[in-house]
PDB file of all heavy atoms in Angstrom:
ATOM      1  N   PRO A   1      73.120 195.055 142.275  1.00  0.00           N
ATOM      2  CA  PRO A   1      73.759 195.461 143.616  1.00  0.00           C
ATOM      3  C   PRO A   1      73.313 194.394 144.636  1.00  0.00           C
ATOM      4  O   PRO A   1      72.148 194.023 144.654  1.00  0.00           O
ATOM      5  CB  PRO A   1      73.278 196.774 144.041  1.00  0.00           C
ATOM      6  CG  PRO A   1      72.980 197.474 142.763  1.00  0.00           C
ATOM      7  CD  PRO A   1      72.390 196.423 141.834  1.00  0.00           C
ATOM      8  N   GLY A   2      74.313 193.821 145.338  1.00  0.00           N
ATOM      9  CA  GLY A   2      74.014 192.707 146.297  1.00  0.00           C
ATOM     10  C   GLY A   2      74.030 191.380 145.756  1.00  0.00           C
ATOM     11  O   GLY A   2      73.820 190.481 146.459  1.00  0.00           O
ATOM     12  N   ASN A   3      74.406 191.194 144.429  1.00  0.00           N
ATOM     13  CA  ASN A   3      74.312 189.892 143.802  1.00  0.00           C
ATOM     14  C   ASN A   3      75.674 189.316 143.826  1.00  0.00           C
ATOM     15  O   ASN A   3      75.919 188.208 143.291  1.00  0.00           O
ATOM     16  CB  ASN A   3      73.846 189.865 142.443  1.00  0.00           C
ATOM     17  CG  ASN A   3      72.267 190.021 142.440  1.00  0.00           C
ATOM     18  OD1 ASN A   3      71.674 190.032 143.531  1.00  0.00           O
ATOM     19  ND2 ASN A   3      71.647 189.966 141.271  1.00  0.00           N
ATOM     20  N   SER A   4      76.828 189.996 144.248  1.00  0.00           N
ATOM     21  CA  SER A   4      78.129 189.443 144.329  1.00  0.00           C
ATOM     22  C   SER A   4      78.068 188.192 145.147  1.00  0.00           C
ATOM     23  O   SER A   4      77.594 188.111 146.193  1.00  0.00           O
ATOM     24  CB  SER A   4      79.091 190.477 144.953  1.00  0.00           C
ATOM     25  OG  SER A   4      79.331 191.511 144.066  1.00  0.00           O
ATOM     26  N   GLY A   5      78.794 187.176 144.660  1.00  0.00           N
ATOM     27  CA  GLY A   5      78.838 185.873 145.308  1.00  0.00           C
ATOM     28  C   GLY A   5      77.781 184.924 144.907  1.00  0.00           C
ATOM     29  O   GLY A   5      77.820 183.733 145.237  1.00  0.00           O
ATOM     30  N   GLY A   6      76.689 185.428 144.150  1.00  0.00           N
ATOM     31  CA  GLY A   6      75.701 184.502 143.692  1.00  0.00           C
ATOM     32  C   GLY A   6      76.188 183.595 142.606  1.00  0.00           C
ATOM     33  O   GLY A   6      77.270 183.896 141.959  1.00  0.00           O
ATOM     34  N   PRO A   7      75.400 182.623 142.099  1.00  0.00           N
ATOM     35  CA  PRO A   7      75.916 181.729 140.984  1.00  0.00           C
ATOM     36  C   PRO A   7      75.469 182.294 139.601  1.00  0.00           C
ATOM     37  O   PRO A   7      74.483 182.915 139.449  1.00  0.00           O
ATOM     38  CB  PRO A   7      75.009 180.457 141.369  1.00  0.00           C
ATOM     39  CG  PRO A   7      73.817 180.973 141.936  1.00  0.00           C
ATOM     40  CD  PRO A   7      74.146 182.157 142.682  1.00  0.00           C
ATOM     41  N   LEU A   8      76.287 181.942 138.653  1.00  0.00           N
ATOM     42  CA  LEU A   8      75.999 182.014 137.250  1.00  0.00           C
ATOM     43  C   LEU A   8      75.739 180.650 136.699  1.00  0.00           C
ATOM     44  O   LEU A   8      76.622 179.781 136.944  1.00  0.00           O
ATOM     45  CB  LEU A   8      77.250 182.738 136.564  1.00  0.00           C
ATOM     46  CG  LEU A   8      77.085 183.032 134.997  1.00  0.00           C
ATOM     47  CD1 LEU A   8      76.141 184.179 134.879  1.00  0.00           C
ATOM     48  CD2 LEU A   8      78.344 183.298 134.336  1.00  0.00           C
ATOM     49  N   VAL A   9      74.551 180.421 136.150  1.00  0.00           N
ATOM     50  CA  VAL A   9      74.189 179.116 135.865  1.00  0.00           C
ATOM     51  C   VAL A   9      73.979 179.024 134.400  1.00  0.00           C
ATOM     52  O   VAL A   9      73.649 179.951 133.722  1.00  0.00           O
ATOM     53  CB  VAL A   9      73.017 178.597 136.682  1.00  0.00           C
ATOM     54  CG1 VAL A   9      73.231 178.753 138.173  1.00  0.00           C
ATOM     55  CG2 VAL A   9      71.788 179.330 136.267  1.00  0.00           C
ATOM     56  N   ASN A  10      73.952 177.681 133.913  1.00  0.00           N
ATOM     57  CA  ASN A  10      73.605 177.340 132.554  1.00  0.00           C
ATOM     58  C   ASN A  10      72.116 177.071 132.415  1.00  0.00           C
ATOM     59  O   ASN A  10      71.465 177.044 133.317  1.00  0.00           O
ATOM     60  CB  ASN A  10      74.586 176.378 131.857  1.00  0.00           C
ATOM     61  CG  ASN A  10      74.422 175.014 132.602  1.00  0.00           C
ATOM     62  OD1 ASN A  10      73.502 174.657 133.277  1.00  0.00           O
ATOM     63  ND2 ASN A  10      75.552 174.190 132.452  1.00  0.00           N
ATOM     64  N   SER A  11      71.771 176.679 131.180  1.00  0.00           N
ATOM     65  CA  SER A  11      70.257 176.407 131.046  1.00  0.00           C
ATOM     66  C   SER A  11      69.762 175.168 131.755  1.00  0.00           C
ATOM     67  O   SER A  11      68.621 174.938 131.889  1.00  0.00           O
ATOM     68  CB  SER A  11      70.034 176.258 129.545  1.00  0.00           C
ATOM     69  OG  SER A  11      70.842 175.131 128.900  1.00  0.00           O
ATOM     70  N   ARG A  12      70.750 174.295 132.213  1.00  0.00           N
ATOM     71  CA  ARG A  12      70.455 173.075 132.897  1.00  0.00           C
ATOM     72  C   ARG A  12      70.331 173.265 134.348  1.00  0.00           C
ATOM     73  O   ARG A  12      70.182 172.333 135.112  1.00  0.00           O
ATOM     74  CB  ARG A  12      71.528 171.922 132.543  1.00  0.00           C
ATOM     75  CG  ARG A  12      71.420 171.515 131.103  1.00  0.00           C
ATOM     76  CD  ARG A  12      72.289 170.279 130.883  1.00  0.00           C
ATOM     77  NE  ARG A  12      73.789 170.521 131.182  1.00  0.00           N
ATOM     78  CZ  ARG A  12      74.636 171.051 130.286  1.00  0.00           C
ATOM     79  NH1 ARG A  12      74.144 171.280 129.090  1.00  0.00           N
ATOM     80  NH2 ARG A  12      75.789 171.274 130.679  1.00  0.00           N
ATOM     81  N   GLY A  13      70.702 174.530 134.820  1.00  0.00           N
ATOM     82  CA  GLY A  13      70.735 174.919 136.308  1.00  0.00           C
ATOM     83  C   GLY A  13      71.969 174.427 136.908  1.00  0.00           C
ATOM     84  O   GLY A  13      71.945 174.374 138.153  1.00  0.00           O
ATOM     85  N   GLU A  14      73.041 174.280 136.244  1.00  0.00           N
ATOM     86  CA  GLU A  14      74.302 173.915 136.760  1.00  0.00           C
ATOM     87  C   GLU A  14      75.098 175.275 136.879  1.00  0.00           C
ATOM     88  O   GLU A  14      75.168 176.042 136.069  1.00  0.00           O
ATOM     89  CB  GLU A  14      75.040 172.959 135.838  1.00  0.00           C
ATOM     90  CG  GLU A  14      74.376 171.612 135.671  1.00  0.00           C
ATOM     91  CD  GLU A  14      75.034 170.715 134.547  1.00  0.00           C
ATOM     92  OE1 GLU A  14      75.598 171.416 133.672  1.00  0.00           O
ATOM     93  OE2 GLU A  14      74.810 169.560 134.505  1.00  0.00           O
ATOM     94  N   VAL A  15      75.789 175.326 138.107  1.00  0.00           N
ATOM     95  CA  VAL A  15      76.599 176.547 138.362  1.00  0.00           C
ATOM     96  C   VAL A  15      77.871 176.493 137.446  1.00  0.00           C
ATOM     97  O   VAL A  15      78.713 175.528 137.524  1.00  0.00           O
ATOM     98  CB  VAL A  15      76.966 176.663 139.803  1.00  0.00           C
ATOM     99  CG1 VAL A  15      77.855 177.926 139.962  1.00  0.00           C
ATOM    100  CG2 VAL A  15      75.769 176.745 140.638  1.00  0.00           C
ATOM    101  N   ILE A  16      78.085 177.519 136.602  1.00  0.00           N
ATOM    102  CA  ILE A  16      79.337 177.628 135.794  1.00  0.00           C
ATOM    103  C   ILE A  16      80.304 178.750 136.300  1.00  0.00           C
ATOM    104  O   ILE A  16      81.360 178.808 135.764  1.00  0.00           O
ATOM    105  CB  ILE A  16      78.942 177.784 134.308  1.00  0.00           C
ATOM    106  CG1 ILE A  16      78.131 179.040 134.141  1.00  0.00           C
ATOM    107  CG2 ILE A  16      78.258 176.645 133.780  1.00  0.00           C
ATOM    108  CD1 ILE A  16      77.830 179.393 132.690  1.00  0.00           C
ATOM    109  N   GLY A  17      79.801 179.607 137.146  1.00  0.00           N
ATOM    110  CA  GLY A  17      80.657 180.660 137.682  1.00  0.00           C
ATOM    111  C   GLY A  17      80.183 181.297 138.906  1.00  0.00           C
ATOM    112  O   GLY A  17      78.948 181.067 139.310  1.00  0.00           O
ATOM    113  N   VAL A  18      81.024 182.079 139.567  1.00  0.00           N
ATOM    114  CA  VAL A  18      80.560 182.776 140.806  1.00  0.00           C
ATOM    115  C   VAL A  18      80.695 184.297 140.409  1.00  0.00           C
ATOM    116  O   VAL A  18      81.747 184.854 140.122  1.00  0.00           O
ATOM    117  CB  VAL A  18      81.545 182.503 141.949  1.00  0.00           C
ATOM    118  CG1 VAL A  18      81.101 183.262 143.261  1.00  0.00           C
ATOM    119  CG2 VAL A  18      81.687 180.932 142.291  1.00  0.00           C
ATOM    120  N   ASN A  19      79.529 184.911 140.487  1.00  0.00           N
ATOM    121  CA  ASN A  19      79.448 186.328 140.060  1.00  0.00           C
ATOM    122  C   ASN A  19      80.279 187.140 141.093  1.00  0.00           C
ATOM    123  O   ASN A  19      80.189 187.070 142.186  1.00  0.00           O
ATOM    124  CB  ASN A  19      77.976 186.771 140.143  1.00  0.00           C
ATOM    125  CG  ASN A  19      77.080 186.096 139.172  1.00  0.00           C
ATOM    126  OD1 ASN A  19      77.432 185.806 138.017  1.00  0.00           O
ATOM    127  ND2 ASN A  19      75.895 185.721 139.574  1.00  0.00           N
ATOM    128  N   THR A  20      81.200 187.958 140.460  1.00  0.00           N
ATOM    129  CA  THR A  20      82.104 188.676 141.376  1.00  0.00           C
ATOM    130  C   THR A  20      82.262 190.181 141.090  1.00  0.00           C
ATOM    131  O   THR A  20      82.527 190.901 142.036  1.00  0.00           O
ATOM    132  CB  THR A  20      83.508 188.083 141.224  1.00  0.00           C
ATOM    133  OG1 THR A  20      84.340 188.529 142.206  1.00  0.00           O
ATOM    134  CG2 THR A  20      84.076 188.352 139.821  1.00  0.00           C
ATOM    135  N   ALA A  21      81.888 190.684 139.892  1.00  0.00           N
ATOM    136  CA  ALA A  21      82.185 192.101 139.703  1.00  0.00           C
ATOM    137  C   ALA A  21      81.425 192.732 138.584  1.00  0.00           C
ATOM    138  O   ALA A  21      81.039 191.928 137.649  1.00  0.00           O
ATOM    139  CB  ALA A  21      83.710 192.340 139.511  1.00  0.00           C
ATOM    140  N   ILE A  22      81.232 193.959 138.573  1.00  0.00           N
ATOM    141  CA  ILE A  22      80.620 194.689 137.384  1.00  0.00           C
ATOM    142  C   ILE A  22      81.552 195.965 137.255  1.00  0.00           C
ATOM    143  O   ILE A  22      81.964 196.600 138.177  1.00  0.00           O
ATOM    144  CB  ILE A  22      79.203 195.078 137.758  1.00  0.00           C
ATOM    145  CG1 ILE A  22      78.633 195.827 136.486  1.00  0.00           C
ATOM    146  CG2 ILE A  22      78.987 195.944 138.941  1.00  0.00           C
ATOM    147  CD1 ILE A  22      77.120 196.052 136.618  1.00  0.00           C
ATOM    148  N   ILE A  23      81.745 196.246 135.920  1.00  0.00           N
ATOM    149  CA  ILE A  23      82.471 197.501 135.648  1.00  0.00           C
ATOM    150  C   ILE A  23      81.473 198.638 135.415  1.00  0.00           C
ATOM    151  O   ILE A  23      80.755 198.593 134.438  1.00  0.00           O
ATOM    152  CB  ILE A  23      83.322 197.306 134.323  1.00  0.00           C
ATOM    153  CG1 ILE A  23      84.444 196.273 134.564  1.00  0.00           C
ATOM    154  CG2 ILE A  23      84.008 198.633 133.953  1.00  0.00           C
ATOM    155  CD1 ILE A  23      85.266 195.946 133.408  1.00  0.00           C
ATOM    156  N   LEU A  24      81.343 199.525 136.441  1.00  0.00           N
ATOM    157  CA  LEU A  24      80.381 200.561 136.375  1.00  0.00           C
ATOM    158  C   LEU A  24      80.269 201.437 135.201  1.00  0.00           C
ATOM    159  O   LEU A  24      79.201 201.712 134.580  1.00  0.00           O
ATOM    160  CB  LEU A  24      80.395 201.346 137.655  1.00  0.00           C
ATOM    161  CG  LEU A  24      80.130 200.568 138.909  1.00  0.00           C
ATOM    162  CD1 LEU A  24      80.281 201.552 140.192  1.00  0.00           C
ATOM    163  CD2 LEU A  24      78.684 200.015 138.966  1.00  0.00           C
ATOM    164  N   PRO A  25      81.430 201.976 134.611  1.00  0.00           N
ATOM    165  CA  PRO A  25      81.368 202.769 133.444  1.00  0.00           C
ATOM    166  C   PRO A  25      80.909 202.132 132.201  1.00  0.00           C
ATOM    167  O   PRO A  25      80.490 202.733 131.286  1.00  0.00           O
ATOM    168  CB  PRO A  25      82.857 203.349 133.322  1.00  0.00           C
ATOM    169  CG  PRO A  25      83.475 203.097 134.671  1.00  0.00           C
ATOM    170  CD  PRO A  25      82.790 201.819 135.152  1.00  0.00           C
ATOM    171  N   ALA A  26      81.138 200.762 132.134  1.00  0.00           N
ATOM    172  CA  ALA A  26      80.792 200.015 130.993  1.00  0.00           C
ATOM    173  C   ALA A  26      79.507 199.174 131.293  1.00  0.00           C
ATOM    174  O   ALA A  26      79.518 198.265 131.873  1.00  0.00           O
ATOM    175  CB  ALA A  26      81.905 199.031 130.620  1.00  0.00           C
ATOM    176  N   GLN A  27      78.452 199.705 130.744  1.00  0.00           N
ATOM    177  CA  GLN A  27      77.068 199.146 131.028  1.00  0.00           C
ATOM    178  C   GLN A  27      77.028 197.680 130.554  1.00  0.00           C
ATOM    179  O   GLN A  27      77.326 197.406 129.445  1.00  0.00           O
ATOM    180  CB  GLN A  27      75.950 199.982 130.336  1.00  0.00           C
ATOM    181  CG  GLN A  27      75.947 201.332 130.855  1.00  0.00           C
ATOM    182  CD  GLN A  27      75.452 201.366 132.345  1.00  0.00           C
ATOM    183  OE1 GLN A  27      74.697 200.624 132.745  1.00  0.00           O
ATOM    184  NE2 GLN A  27      76.098 202.319 133.068  1.00  0.00           N
ATOM    185  N   GLY A  28      76.534 196.860 131.505  1.00  0.00           N
ATOM    186  CA  GLY A  28      76.242 195.474 131.070  1.00  0.00           C
ATOM    187  C   GLY A  28      77.408 194.501 130.938  1.00  0.00           C
ATOM    188  O   GLY A  28      77.283 193.438 130.383  1.00  0.00           O
ATOM    189  N   ILE A  29      78.590 194.868 131.403  1.00  0.00           N
ATOM    190  CA  ILE A  29      79.799 194.005 131.480  1.00  0.00           C
ATOM    191  C   ILE A  29      80.037 193.568 132.836  1.00  0.00           C
ATOM    192  O   ILE A  29      80.286 194.208 133.727  1.00  0.00           O
ATOM    193  CB  ILE A  29      81.117 194.725 130.955  1.00  0.00           C
ATOM    194  CG1 ILE A  29      80.782 195.254 129.519  1.00  0.00           C
ATOM    195  CG2 ILE A  29      82.284 193.804 130.966  1.00  0.00           C
ATOM    196  CD1 ILE A  29      82.077 195.937 128.833  1.00  0.00           C
ATOM    197  N   CYS A  30      79.743 192.190 132.976  1.00  0.00           N
ATOM    198  CA  CYS A  30      79.969 191.562 134.300  1.00  0.00           C
ATOM    199  C   CYS A  30      80.855 190.396 134.264  1.00  0.00           C
ATOM    200  O   CYS A  30      81.096 189.856 133.153  1.00  0.00           O
ATOM    201  CB  CYS A  30      78.595 191.124 134.834  1.00  0.00           C
ATOM    202  SG  CYS A  30      77.337 192.441 134.844  1.00  0.00           S
ATOM    203  N   PHE A  31      81.402 190.008 135.357  1.00  0.00           N
ATOM    204  CA  PHE A  31      82.431 188.952 135.368  1.00  0.00           C
ATOM    205  C   PHE A  31      82.093 187.876 136.563  1.00  0.00           C
ATOM    206  O   PHE A  31      81.413 188.217 137.448  1.00  0.00           O
ATOM    207  CB  PHE A  31      83.752 189.505 135.650  1.00  0.00           C
ATOM    208  CG  PHE A  31      84.329 190.503 134.703  1.00  0.00           C
ATOM    209  CD1 PHE A  31      84.130 191.836 134.797  1.00  0.00           C
ATOM    210  CD2 PHE A  31      84.934 189.967 133.541  1.00  0.00           C
ATOM    211  CE1 PHE A  31      84.475 192.750 133.744  1.00  0.00           C
ATOM    212  CE2 PHE A  31      85.371 190.819 132.521  1.00  0.00           C
ATOM    213  CZ  PHE A  31      85.193 192.222 132.677  1.00  0.00           C
ATOM    214  N   ALA A  32      82.490 186.667 136.266  1.00  0.00           N
ATOM    215  CA  ALA A  32      82.281 185.602 137.136  1.00  0.00           C
ATOM    216  C   ALA A  32      83.556 184.713 137.133  1.00  0.00           C
ATOM    217  O   ALA A  32      84.082 184.542 136.030  1.00  0.00           O
ATOM    218  CB  ALA A  32      81.024 184.791 136.664  1.00  0.00           C
ATOM    219  N   ILE A  33      83.900 184.195 138.218  1.00  0.00           N
ATOM    220  CA  ILE A  33      85.020 183.284 138.392  1.00  0.00           C
ATOM    221  C   ILE A  33      84.534 181.891 138.014  1.00  0.00           C
ATOM    222  O   ILE A  33      83.501 181.391 138.436  1.00  0.00           O
ATOM    223  CB  ILE A  33      85.494 183.213 139.898  1.00  0.00           C
ATOM    224  CG1 ILE A  33      85.861 184.659 140.379  1.00  0.00           C
ATOM    225  CG2 ILE A  33      86.611 182.318 140.037  1.00  0.00           C
ATOM    226  CD1 ILE A  33      85.973 184.751 141.843  1.00  0.00           C
ATOM    227  N   ALA A  34      85.272 181.253 137.146  1.00  0.00           N
ATOM    228  CA  ALA A  34      84.938 179.906 136.575  1.00  0.00           C
ATOM    229  C   ALA A  34      84.791 178.924 137.630  1.00  0.00           C
ATOM    230  O   ALA A  34      85.564 178.983 138.610  1.00  0.00           O
ATOM    231  CB  ALA A  34      85.937 179.475 135.675  1.00  0.00           C
ATOM    232  N   ILE A  35      83.759 178.097 137.603  1.00  0.00           N
ATOM    233  CA  ILE A  35      83.379 177.215 138.676  1.00  0.00           C
ATOM    234  C   ILE A  35      84.501 176.078 138.882  1.00  0.00           C
ATOM    235  O   ILE A  35      84.702 175.691 140.013  1.00  0.00           O
ATOM    236  CB  ILE A  35      82.028 176.530 138.455  1.00  0.00           C
ATOM    237  CG1 ILE A  35      81.507 175.901 139.762  1.00  0.00           C
ATOM    238  CG2 ILE A  35      82.082 175.585 137.269  1.00  0.00           C
ATOM    239  CD1 ILE A  35      81.304 176.811 140.919  1.00  0.00           C
ATOM    240  N   ASN A  36      85.221 175.778 137.930  1.00  0.00           N
ATOM    241  CA  ASN A  36      86.327 174.815 138.084  1.00  0.00           C
ATOM    242  C   ASN A  36      87.412 175.340 139.048  1.00  0.00           C
ATOM    243  O   ASN A  36      87.902 174.590 139.920  1.00  0.00           O
ATOM    244  CB  ASN A  36      86.988 174.383 136.769  1.00  0.00           C
ATOM    245  CG  ASN A  36      86.063 173.401 136.026  1.00  0.00           C
ATOM    246  OD1 ASN A  36      84.959 173.212 136.378  1.00  0.00           O
ATOM    247  ND2 ASN A  36      86.614 172.909 134.880  1.00  0.00           N
ATOM    248  N   SER A  37      87.678 176.657 138.845  1.00  0.00           N
ATOM    249  CA  SER A  37      88.578 177.304 139.858  1.00  0.00           C
ATOM    250  C   SER A  37      87.958 177.396 141.225  1.00  0.00           C
ATOM    251  O   SER A  37      88.691 177.219 142.168  1.00  0.00           O
ATOM    252  CB  SER A  37      88.936 178.672 139.254  1.00  0.00           C
ATOM    253  OG  SER A  37      89.608 178.621 138.027  1.00  0.00           O
ATOM    254  N   ALA A  38      86.670 177.705 141.231  1.00  0.00           N
ATOM    255  CA  ALA A  38      86.039 177.833 142.514  1.00  0.00           C
ATOM    256  C   ALA A  38      85.905 176.497 143.210  1.00  0.00           C
ATOM    257  O   ALA A  38      86.091 176.434 144.553  1.00  0.00           O
ATOM    258  CB  ALA A  38      84.660 178.387 142.365  1.00  0.00           C
ATOM    259  N   LYS A  39      85.758 175.407 142.543  1.00  0.00           N
ATOM    260  CA  LYS A  39      85.805 174.092 143.127  1.00  0.00           C
ATOM    261  C   LYS A  39      87.109 173.741 143.813  1.00  0.00           C
ATOM    262  O   LYS A  39      87.178 173.223 144.929  1.00  0.00           O
ATOM    263  CB  LYS A  39      85.351 172.992 142.155  1.00  0.00           C
ATOM    264  CG  LYS A  39      83.826 172.959 141.811  1.00  0.00           C
ATOM    265  CD  LYS A  39      83.463 171.801 140.955  1.00  0.00           C
ATOM    266  CE  LYS A  39      83.792 171.945 139.551  1.00  0.00           C
ATOM    267  NZ  LYS A  39      83.212 170.869 138.733  1.00  0.00           N
ATOM    268  N   LEU A  40      88.108 174.018 143.090  1.00  0.00           N
ATOM    269  CA  LEU A  40      89.482 173.825 143.550  1.00  0.00           C
ATOM    270  C   LEU A  40      89.834 174.678 144.856  1.00  0.00           C
ATOM    271  O   LEU A  40      90.239 174.131 145.858  1.00  0.00           O
ATOM    272  CB  LEU A  40      90.571 174.188 142.541  1.00  0.00           C
ATOM    273  CG  LEU A  40      91.984 174.040 142.834  1.00  0.00           C
ATOM    274  CD1 LEU A  40      92.400 172.619 143.115  1.00  0.00           C
ATOM    275  CD2 LEU A  40      92.837 174.557 141.748  1.00  0.00           C
ATOM    276  N   VAL A  41      89.499 175.927 144.754  1.00  0.00           N
ATOM    277  CA  VAL A  41      89.742 176.843 145.897  1.00  0.00           C
ATOM    278  C   VAL A  41      88.842 176.402 147.066  1.00  0.00           C
ATOM    279  O   VAL A  41      89.334 176.256 148.240  1.00  0.00           O
ATOM    280  CB  VAL A  41      89.497 178.285 145.575  1.00  0.00           C
ATOM    281  CG1 VAL A  41      89.523 179.184 146.746  1.00  0.00           C
ATOM    282  CG2 VAL A  41      90.515 178.724 144.536  1.00  0.00           C
ATOM    283  N   ALA A  42      87.586 176.147 146.805  1.00  0.00           N
ATOM    284  CA  ALA A  42      86.759 175.706 147.986  1.00  0.00           C
ATOM    285  C   ALA A  42      87.064 174.479 148.614  1.00  0.00           C
ATOM    286  O   ALA A  42      87.022 174.345 149.857  1.00  0.00           O
ATOM    287  CB  ALA A  42      85.272 175.640 147.462  1.00  0.00           C
ATOM    288  N   GLY A  43      87.550 173.547 147.860  1.00  0.00           N
ATOM    289  CA  GLY A  43      88.043 172.301 148.524  1.00  0.00           C
ATOM    290  C   GLY A  43      89.253 172.525 149.396  1.00  0.00           C
ATOM    291  O   GLY A  43      89.196 171.905 150.487  1.00  0.00           O
ATOM    292  N   HIS A  44      90.139 173.426 149.043  1.00  0.00           N
ATOM    293  CA  HIS A  44      91.163 173.607 149.897  1.00  0.00           C
ATOM    294  C   HIS A  44      90.776 174.450 151.174  1.00  0.00           C
ATOM    295  O   HIS A  44      91.251 174.184 152.235  1.00  0.00           O
ATOM    296  CB  HIS A  44      92.422 174.453 149.208  1.00  0.00           C
ATOM    297  CG  HIS A  44      93.218 173.630 148.301  1.00  0.00           C
ATOM    298  ND1 HIS A  44      94.077 172.661 148.715  1.00  0.00           N
ATOM    299  CD2 HIS A  44      93.252 173.568 146.937  1.00  0.00           C
ATOM    300  CE1 HIS A  44      94.786 172.175 147.763  1.00  0.00           C
ATOM    301  NE2 HIS A  44      94.176 172.731 146.632  1.00  0.00           N
ATOM    302  N   LEU A  45      89.854 175.373 151.005  1.00  0.00           N
ATOM    303  CA  LEU A  45      89.353 176.191 152.144  1.00  0.00           C
ATOM    304  C   LEU A  45      88.614 175.258 153.145  1.00  0.00           C
ATOM    305  O   LEU A  45      88.728 175.425 154.376  1.00  0.00           O
ATOM    306  CB  LEU A  45      88.457 177.277 151.720  1.00  0.00           C
ATOM    307  CG  LEU A  45      89.117 178.368 150.847  1.00  0.00           C
ATOM    308  CD1 LEU A  45      88.076 179.391 150.416  1.00  0.00           C
ATOM    309  CD2 LEU A  45      90.173 179.015 151.665  1.00  0.00           C
TER     310      LEU A  45
END
């Protein structure tokens, strides 16, 4: 809880996604927006 919007990173410390949601009834299933999509959107914003 409270981690929405944080980075999902690889072993090199590079951001590969933006943590966005968890499905509560399904334990351990989380989702992140791919960083390529985030870079595109952030550039326009």
